[in-house]
Amino acid sequence: MTLFRNIVFAATLSGLIAGLLATVVHSFSTVPLILEAEIYETAAVHAQDGEAWAPANGVQRLASMALANLLTGIGFSLLLCSVFALRGCVMNWRRGMYWGLAGFAAFTVAPGLGLPPELPGIEAAPLLERQAWWLVTVAVTAGGLAMICLGSRKSFAIAGGALIVLPHIIGVPLPAEHVSLVPEHLVHDFIVTTFLVSLFFWLSLGMLSGWFYHRFAGNARGGFTMQSA
């Protein structure tokens, strides 16, 4: 129980700090782009039916974004710290950074190549289909990276690479018709900015998780231990 308690404590601290940092970065990077896109979306809706849609005020938007980032940070940090415990390796901020990069690759890069971040005013495929493809892509990418980085045989690396590309070979769900109410340059800026912010989030989360895990759970005994990576 001591190890479990320490893991939860380390993950909570890491997730809170990384989530707060991500909120600050989002507030002056992606949020202005979203607000600009909503102007185009609102104008189009007003032209169609005369009902303009107004976004929530600044405090509500900031609070909901902060809450989402904090919960996301804690959840992903729990995942990282659990893997640290299962691996049984000595952790520090530098090794945590590498795990953060792996998380960025699995949760942002791989699904983002097929389903890039979308602004308001862009027609998308049905939500259920996109969620299913995203989940499958994240799962097989994480498994493929594990086989490549942690496997001891060349065949593992080959199989891992095949897993990673499989969802992209199958193809992503697409809308029946591509409709965008926002300028192309705004779409491009949002995709690049979102990827960069996500990279910052995962790097900070990985380093914080590695450091806090070493600080609070590194000397605890429990779980099973494998040879250090």
Protein backbone atom coordinates (compact mmCIF):
# COMPACT_ATOMS: atom_id res chain seq x y z
CA MET A 1 0.00 0.00 0.00
CA THR A 2 2.91 2.33 0.65
CA LEU A 3 4.07 2.11 -2.95
CA PHE A 4 0.55 2.68 -4.27
CA ARG A 5 0.05 5.70 -2.02
CA ASN A 6 3.39 7.18 -3.05
CA ILE A 7 2.65 6.63 -6.74
CA VAL A 8 -0.69 8.41 -6.43
CA PHE A 9 0.93 11.28 -4.54
CA ALA A 10 3.75 11.65 -7.08
CA ALA A 11 1.34 11.46 -10.00
CA THR A 12 -1.02 13.99 -8.46
CA LEU A 13 1.75 16.53 -7.91
CA SER A 14 3.15 15.97 -11.40
CA GLY A 15 -0.24 16.18 -13.07
CA LEU A 16 -1.27 19.33 -11.23
CA ILE A 17 1.92 21.19 -12.11
CA ALA A 18 1.98 20.02 -15.73
CA GLY A 19 -1.74 20.76 -16.10
CA LEU A 20 -1.31 24.29 -14.76
CA LEU A 21 1.64 24.92 -17.06
CA ALA A 22 -0.33 23.60 -20.04
CA THR A 23 -3.26 25.86 -19.15
CA VAL A 24 -1.02 28.92 -19.13
CA VAL A 25 0.53 27.99 -22.48
CA HIS A 26 -2.85 27.18 -24.04
CA SER A 27 -4.31 30.50 -22.88
CA PHE A 28 -1.97 32.55 -25.07
CA SER A 29 -1.34 30.07 -27.90
CA THR A 30 -4.29 27.90 -28.95
CA VAL A 31 -7.15 29.79 -27.29
CA PRO A 32 -6.72 32.95 -29.43
CA LEU A 33 -6.82 30.77 -32.54
CA ILE A 34 -10.00 29.06 -31.34
CA LEU A 35 -11.62 32.42 -30.61
CA GLU A 36 -10.72 33.67 -34.08
CA ALA A 37 -12.16 30.52 -35.67
CA GLU A 38 -15.37 30.96 -33.68
CA ILE A 39 -15.81 34.37 -35.30
CA TYR A 40 -15.99 32.74 -38.74
CA GLU A 41 -18.27 30.00 -37.42
CA THR A 42 -20.58 32.52 -35.77
CA ALA A 43 -20.77 34.63 -38.93
CA ALA A 44 -21.71 31.58 -40.99
CA VAL A 45 -24.39 30.45 -38.53
CA HIS A 46 -25.81 33.98 -38.38
CA ALA A 47 -25.95 34.16 -42.16
CA GLN A 48 -27.80 30.85 -42.33
CA ASP A 49 -30.45 31.18 -39.64
CA GLY A 50 -29.91 34.53 -37.97
CA GLU A 51 -28.92 33.01 -34.64
CA ALA A 52 -25.44 33.99 -33.60
CA TRP A 53 -23.68 31.68 -31.19
CA ALA A 54 -21.72 33.31 -28.35
CA PRO A 55 -18.87 31.46 -26.61
CA ALA A 56 -18.71 31.22 -22.84
CA ASN A 57 -17.10 34.12 -21.06
CA GLY A 58 -13.38 34.18 -20.32
CA VAL A 59 -13.62 32.93 -16.74
CA GLN A 60 -15.80 29.96 -17.66
CA ARG A 61 -13.58 29.03 -20.59
CA LEU A 62 -10.40 29.30 -18.53
CA ALA A 63 -11.87 27.33 -15.63
CA SER A 64 -13.12 24.48 -17.81
CA MET A 65 -9.83 24.33 -19.70
CA ALA A 66 -7.84 24.32 -16.45
CA LEU A 67 -9.97 21.55 -14.98
CA ALA A 68 -9.60 19.43 -18.11
CA ASN A 69 -5.82 19.95 -18.18
CA LEU A 70 -5.44 19.13 -14.48
CA LEU A 71 -7.46 15.92 -14.73
CA THR A 72 -5.66 14.94 -17.92
CA GLY A 73 -2.28 15.60 -16.35
CA ILE A 74 -3.05 13.54 -13.25
CA GLY A 75 -4.45 10.68 -15.33
CA PHE A 76 -1.49 10.49 -17.67
CA SER A 77 0.98 10.87 -14.81
CA LEU A 78 -0.69 7.95 -13.02
CA LEU A 79 -0.18 5.93 -16.18
CA LEU A 80 3.50 6.92 -16.39
CA CYS A 81 4.22 6.29 -12.71
CA SER A 82 2.49 2.91 -12.89
CA VAL A 83 4.73 1.95 -15.79
CA PHE A 84 7.76 3.15 -13.81
CA ALA A 85 6.77 0.84 -10.96
CA LEU A 86 6.17 -2.13 -13.25
CA ARG A 87 9.49 -1.61 -14.98
CA GLY A 88 11.29 -1.33 -11.65
CA CYS A 89 13.88 1.05 -13.12
CA VAL A 90 15.61 3.87 -11.28
CA MET A 91 13.84 7.02 -12.40
CA ASN A 92 14.90 10.65 -12.65
CA TRP A 93 13.73 13.67 -14.61
CA ARG A 94 15.87 12.76 -17.62
CA ARG A 95 14.46 9.25 -17.98
CA GLY A 96 11.02 10.67 -17.34
CA MET A 97 11.56 13.02 -20.26
CA TYR A 98 12.11 10.05 -22.59
CA TRP A 99 8.89 8.46 -21.38
CA GLY A 100 7.17 11.79 -21.95
CA LEU A 101 8.38 11.79 -25.53
CA ALA A 102 6.96 8.29 -25.95
CA GLY A 103 3.64 9.55 -24.61
CA PHE A 104 3.73 12.46 -27.05
CA ALA A 105 4.37 10.05 -29.92
CA ALA A 106 1.56 7.69 -28.91
CA PHE A 107 -1.12 10.15 -27.83
CA THR A 108 -0.46 13.13 -30.11
CA VAL A 109 1.74 12.40 -33.13
CA ALA A 110 0.33 9.04 -34.22
CA PRO A 111 -3.38 9.92 -34.04
CA GLY A 112 -2.70 13.50 -35.12
CA LEU A 113 -1.20 12.35 -38.41
CA GLY A 114 -4.59 10.95 -39.38
CA LEU A 115 -6.93 13.15 -37.37
CA PRO A 116 -5.19 16.49 -36.81
CA PRO A 117 -6.58 18.91 -34.21
CA GLU A 118 -9.65 20.68 -35.57
CA LEU A 119 -10.95 24.18 -35.07
CA PRO A 120 -14.63 25.09 -34.73
CA GLY A 121 -16.26 25.49 -38.12
CA ILE A 122 -14.65 22.43 -39.74
CA GLU A 123 -16.79 19.50 -40.82
CA ALA A 124 -15.58 16.22 -39.31
CA ALA A 125 -16.42 12.55 -39.54
CA PRO A 126 -18.94 11.09 -37.03
CA LEU A 127 -17.63 11.39 -33.47
CA LEU A 128 -17.93 7.70 -32.60
CA GLU A 129 -15.89 6.67 -35.64
CA ARG A 130 -13.17 9.22 -34.85
CA GLN A 131 -13.01 8.15 -31.20
CA ALA A 132 -12.73 4.49 -32.14
CA TRP A 133 -9.91 5.15 -34.62
CA TRP A 134 -8.12 7.38 -32.10
CA LEU A 135 -8.28 4.77 -29.34
CA VAL A 136 -7.07 1.98 -31.60
CA THR A 137 -4.24 4.14 -32.95
CA VAL A 138 -3.06 5.15 -29.48
CA ALA A 139 -3.19 1.56 -28.22
CA VAL A 140 -1.30 -0.03 -31.10
CA THR A 141 1.23 2.82 -31.21
CA ALA A 142 1.98 2.45 -27.51
CA GLY A 143 2.28 -1.31 -27.94
CA GLY A 144 4.47 -0.91 -31.00
CA LEU A 145 6.80 1.54 -29.26
CA ALA A 146 7.08 -0.85 -26.31
CA MET A 147 8.03 -3.71 -28.62
CA ILE A 148 10.60 -1.55 -30.40
CA CYS A 149 12.19 0.04 -27.33
CA LEU A 150 11.84 -2.72 -24.76
CA GLY A 151 11.89 -5.86 -26.89
CA SER A 152 15.03 -7.96 -26.95
CA ARG A 153 14.66 -9.35 -30.47
CA LYS A 154 14.75 -7.79 -33.90
CA SER A 155 11.45 -9.48 -34.73
CA PHE A 156 9.83 -7.50 -31.91
CA ALA A 157 10.98 -4.23 -33.49
CA ILE A 158 9.64 -5.28 -36.90
CA ALA A 159 6.30 -6.30 -35.44
CA GLY A 160 6.16 -3.08 -33.43
CA GLY A 161 6.75 -0.98 -36.54
CA ALA A 162 4.01 -2.86 -38.36
CA LEU A 163 1.60 -2.18 -35.50
CA ILE A 164 2.34 1.53 -35.58
CA VAL A 165 1.58 1.93 -39.29
CA LEU A 166 -1.43 -0.42 -39.32
CA PRO A 167 -4.14 2.15 -38.42
CA HIS A 168 -2.84 4.53 -41.09
CA ILE A 169 -2.94 1.77 -43.70
CA ILE A 170 -6.53 0.98 -42.76
CA GLY A 171 -7.34 4.66 -43.05
CA VAL A 172 -9.01 7.34 -40.97
CA PRO A 173 -12.74 8.06 -40.90
CA LEU A 174 -13.53 10.99 -43.17
CA PRO A 175 -16.56 13.28 -43.44
CA ALA A 176 -18.91 12.85 -46.37
CA GLU A 177 -17.93 16.33 -47.55
CA HIS A 178 -15.00 18.50 -46.53
CA VAL A 179 -16.36 21.84 -45.34
CA SER A 180 -14.27 24.50 -43.61
CA LEU A 181 -15.55 27.89 -42.53
CA VAL A 182 -12.13 29.10 -41.39
CA PRO A 183 -9.14 30.17 -43.52
CA GLU A 184 -6.52 27.56 -44.35
CA HIS A 185 -3.71 29.49 -42.69
CA LEU A 186 -5.64 29.49 -39.41
CA VAL A 187 -6.12 25.72 -39.62
CA HIS A 188 -2.40 25.25 -40.25
CA ASP A 189 -1.41 27.53 -37.38
CA PHE A 190 -3.73 25.70 -35.00
CA ILE A 191 -2.38 22.27 -35.90
CA VAL A 192 1.26 23.34 -35.49
CA THR A 193 0.57 25.22 -32.26
CA THR A 194 -1.41 22.34 -30.77
CA PHE A 195 1.39 19.89 -31.53
CA LEU A 196 3.97 22.19 -29.94
CA VAL A 197 1.87 22.74 -26.83
CA SER A 198 1.30 19.01 -26.54
CA LEU A 199 5.04 18.41 -26.83
CA PHE A 200 5.63 20.91 -24.01
CA PHE A 201 2.95 19.22 -21.90
CA TRP A 202 4.34 15.71 -22.36
CA LEU A 203 7.95 16.77 -21.78
CA SER A 204 7.06 18.60 -18.58
CA LEU A 205 4.78 15.77 -17.44
CA GLY A 206 7.43 13.15 -18.10
CA MET A 207 10.17 15.07 -16.31
CA LEU A 208 7.95 15.92 -13.35
CA SER A 209 6.66 12.35 -13.10
CA GLY A 210 10.17 10.94 -13.21
CA TRP A 211 11.45 13.36 -10.59
CA PHE A 212 8.51 13.04 -8.17
CA TYR A 213 8.43 9.26 -8.61
CA HIS A 214 12.11 9.09 -7.67
CA ARG A 215 11.49 11.44 -4.75
CA PHE A 216 8.45 9.72 -3.23
CA ALA A 217 8.25 6.18 -4.65
CA GLY A 218 11.75 5.35 -5.84
CA ASN A 219 12.80 3.75 -2.57
CA ALA A 220 9.50 2.03 -1.81
CA ARG A 221 9.25 -1.72 -2.04
CA GLY A 222 6.34 -3.41 -3.71
CA GLY A 223 4.96 -4.59 -7.01
CA PHE A 224 7.18 -6.64 -9.24
CA THR A 225 10.55 -5.51 -10.52
CA MET A 226 12.13 -6.02 -13.89
CA GLN A 227 15.64 -5.28 -14.96
CA SER A 228 16.34 -1.58 -15.29
CA ALA A 229 16.07 -0.15 -18.79
